[in-house]
Amino acid sequence: MYPEYMVAPMREELTNVGFEQLLTANEVDSAVKSEGTVLVMVNSVCGCAAANARPGVRMAIDGAKKPSKLVTVFAGMEKEAVDTARAYMMPYPPSSPSIALFKDGKLVHMIERHHIEGRPAQLIAENLKAAFEEFC
């Protein structure tokens, strides 16, 4: 686990734009199983989360279409919540950061770490906006 003071600013990058921080497995279950569309970001302290994933997600939700619910879990912090979120993302292997879109409890779009590393935030945003157009 990381010290909370270290991850707080990284959490706030998402919570300040409307994401709900999920801290327990029950919160993850409730969010993912809800009706409508849910975007789940597995946040991380890594550089690709800071430079690519979080900025890309923030750009994507500025569009006309976006998910009904925006939630996040933090890798290396609330293990139970992260493990539960990753279980819903199967068959994709665990990765952080990662971004998943669910519709009515079913995984419909996934961006894994290897899709984030080395890619500009704008490209991640465009990928997500296309998924929002299709599913939201």
Protein backbone atom coordinates (compact mmCIF):
# COMPACT_ATOMS: atom_id res chain seq x y z
CA MET A 1 0.00 0.00 0.00
CA TYR A 2 1.04 3.54 -0.69
CA PRO A 3 0.75 6.35 1.84
CA GLU A 4 -2.62 8.10 1.43
CA TYR A 5 -0.99 11.54 1.20
CA MET A 6 0.82 10.29 -1.92
CA VAL A 7 -2.24 9.00 -3.77
CA ALA A 8 -4.73 11.68 -2.66
CA PRO A 9 -3.88 14.08 -5.51
CA MET A 10 -4.17 11.22 -8.02
CA ARG A 11 -7.59 10.25 -6.65
CA GLU A 12 -8.68 13.90 -6.79
CA GLU A 13 -7.82 14.17 -10.49
CA LEU A 14 -10.82 11.91 -11.05
CA THR A 15 -13.11 12.69 -8.12
CA ASN A 16 -12.89 16.42 -8.94
CA VAL A 17 -14.49 15.71 -12.34
CA GLY A 18 -17.30 13.51 -11.05
CA PHE A 19 -15.84 10.06 -10.42
CA GLU A 20 -16.88 8.24 -7.27
CA GLN A 21 -14.02 6.55 -5.41
CA LEU A 22 -15.05 2.99 -4.53
CA LEU A 23 -13.37 1.63 -1.43
CA THR A 24 -15.08 -1.74 -0.85
CA ALA A 25 -16.07 -4.82 -2.81
CA ASN A 26 -19.73 -4.11 -2.04
CA GLU A 27 -19.46 -0.63 -3.53
CA VAL A 28 -17.90 -2.10 -6.69
CA ASP A 29 -20.62 -4.77 -6.94
CA SER A 30 -23.35 -2.19 -6.56
CA ALA A 31 -21.86 0.15 -9.16
CA VAL A 32 -21.06 -2.43 -11.82
CA LYS A 33 -24.37 -4.26 -11.47
CA SER A 34 -26.41 -1.06 -11.80
CA GLU A 35 -28.54 -0.31 -14.85
CA GLY A 36 -27.12 1.90 -17.53
CA THR A 37 -23.49 2.49 -18.35
CA VAL A 38 -20.66 2.57 -15.84
CA LEU A 39 -17.09 3.61 -16.54
CA VAL A 40 -14.60 2.01 -14.13
CA MET A 41 -11.04 3.29 -14.03
CA VAL A 42 -8.41 1.32 -12.18
CA ASN A 43 -6.22 4.22 -11.13
CA SER A 44 -2.50 3.88 -10.49
CA VAL A 45 0.60 5.76 -9.35
CA CYS A 46 2.48 4.91 -12.55
CA GLY A 47 3.57 7.48 -15.08
CA CYS A 48 1.23 6.26 -17.82
CA ALA A 49 -1.74 6.84 -15.50
CA ALA A 50 -0.57 10.41 -14.87
CA ALA A 51 0.38 11.28 -18.44
CA ASN A 52 -2.11 9.26 -20.46
CA ALA A 53 -4.95 7.51 -18.63
CA ARG A 54 -6.31 10.14 -16.23
CA PRO A 55 -6.03 13.00 -18.75
CA GLY A 56 -7.58 10.81 -21.47
CA VAL A 57 -10.52 9.86 -19.27
CA ARG A 58 -11.07 13.49 -18.27
CA MET A 59 -11.10 14.55 -21.94
CA ALA A 60 -13.48 11.74 -22.88
CA ILE A 61 -16.16 12.65 -20.34
CA ASP A 62 -16.31 16.22 -21.66
CA GLY A 63 -18.22 14.99 -24.72
CA ALA A 64 -21.96 15.02 -25.29
CA LYS A 65 -22.32 11.30 -24.57
CA LYS A 66 -20.88 9.79 -21.46
CA PRO A 67 -21.64 6.94 -19.05
CA SER A 68 -24.40 7.21 -16.47
CA LYS A 69 -21.92 6.53 -13.69
CA LEU A 70 -18.19 7.23 -13.31
CA VAL A 71 -16.29 5.23 -10.70
CA THR A 72 -12.69 4.49 -9.80
CA VAL A 73 -10.66 2.10 -7.68
CA PHE A 74 -6.99 2.58 -6.82
CA ALA A 75 -4.47 -0.20 -7.45
CA GLY A 76 -2.14 -0.70 -4.52
CA MET A 77 -4.63 0.69 -2.05
CA GLU A 78 -8.05 -0.89 -1.46
CA LYS A 79 -7.17 -4.45 -2.48
CA GLU A 80 -10.63 -5.94 -2.05
CA ALA A 81 -12.29 -3.24 -4.19
CA VAL A 82 -9.64 -3.52 -6.89
CA ASP A 83 -9.80 -7.33 -6.95
CA THR A 84 -13.58 -7.19 -7.29
CA ALA A 85 -13.40 -4.68 -10.14
CA ARG A 86 -10.81 -6.81 -11.91
CA ALA A 87 -13.00 -9.90 -11.52
CA TYR A 88 -15.71 -8.11 -13.52
CA MET A 89 -13.12 -7.31 -16.20
CA MET A 90 -12.31 -10.97 -16.88
CA PRO A 91 -11.14 -12.46 -19.21
CA TYR A 92 -8.76 -9.51 -19.37
CA PRO A 93 -5.75 -9.96 -17.09
CA PRO A 94 -5.26 -7.53 -14.22
CA SER A 95 -3.57 -4.33 -15.26
CA SER A 96 -3.28 -0.86 -13.92
CA PRO A 97 -4.12 1.55 -15.08
CA SER A 98 -7.05 0.17 -17.02
CA ILE A 99 -10.44 1.47 -18.06
CA ALA A 100 -13.61 -0.59 -18.47
CA LEU A 101 -17.07 0.32 -19.71
CA PHE A 102 -20.03 -1.72 -18.50
CA LYS A 103 -23.59 -1.62 -19.78
CA ASP A 104 -26.30 -3.13 -17.60
CA GLY A 105 -23.64 -5.07 -15.70
CA LYS A 106 -21.86 -6.48 -18.76
CA LEU A 107 -18.37 -5.54 -19.89
CA VAL A 108 -18.66 -3.91 -23.33
CA HIS A 109 -15.32 -2.10 -23.77
CA MET A 110 -11.88 -2.47 -22.23
CA ILE A 111 -8.65 -0.49 -22.39
CA GLU A 112 -5.72 -2.33 -20.86
CA ARG A 113 -2.41 -0.89 -19.70
CA HIS A 114 -0.69 -1.91 -22.93
CA HIS A 115 -3.25 0.23 -24.80
CA ILE A 116 -2.38 3.18 -22.53
CA GLU A 117 1.43 3.06 -22.32
CA GLY A 118 3.08 5.26 -24.92
CA ARG A 119 -0.21 6.52 -26.33
CA PRO A 120 -1.24 10.15 -26.03
CA ALA A 121 -4.16 11.07 -23.79
CA GLN A 122 -6.05 12.37 -26.83
CA LEU A 123 -5.96 8.92 -28.45
CA ILE A 124 -7.32 7.31 -25.28
CA ALA A 125 -10.05 9.97 -25.15
CA GLU A 126 -11.03 9.29 -28.78
CA ASN A 127 -11.18 5.55 -28.09
CA LEU A 128 -13.46 6.13 -25.11
CA LYS A 129 -15.66 8.65 -26.92
CA ALA A 130 -16.24 6.10 -29.70
CA ALA A 131 -17.27 3.54 -27.07
CA PHE A 132 -19.57 6.11 -25.43
CA GLU A 133 -21.20 6.80 -28.82
CA GLU A 134 -21.85 3.10 -29.29
CA PHE A 135 -22.98 2.12 -25.81
CA CYS A 136 -24.17 5.20 -23.89
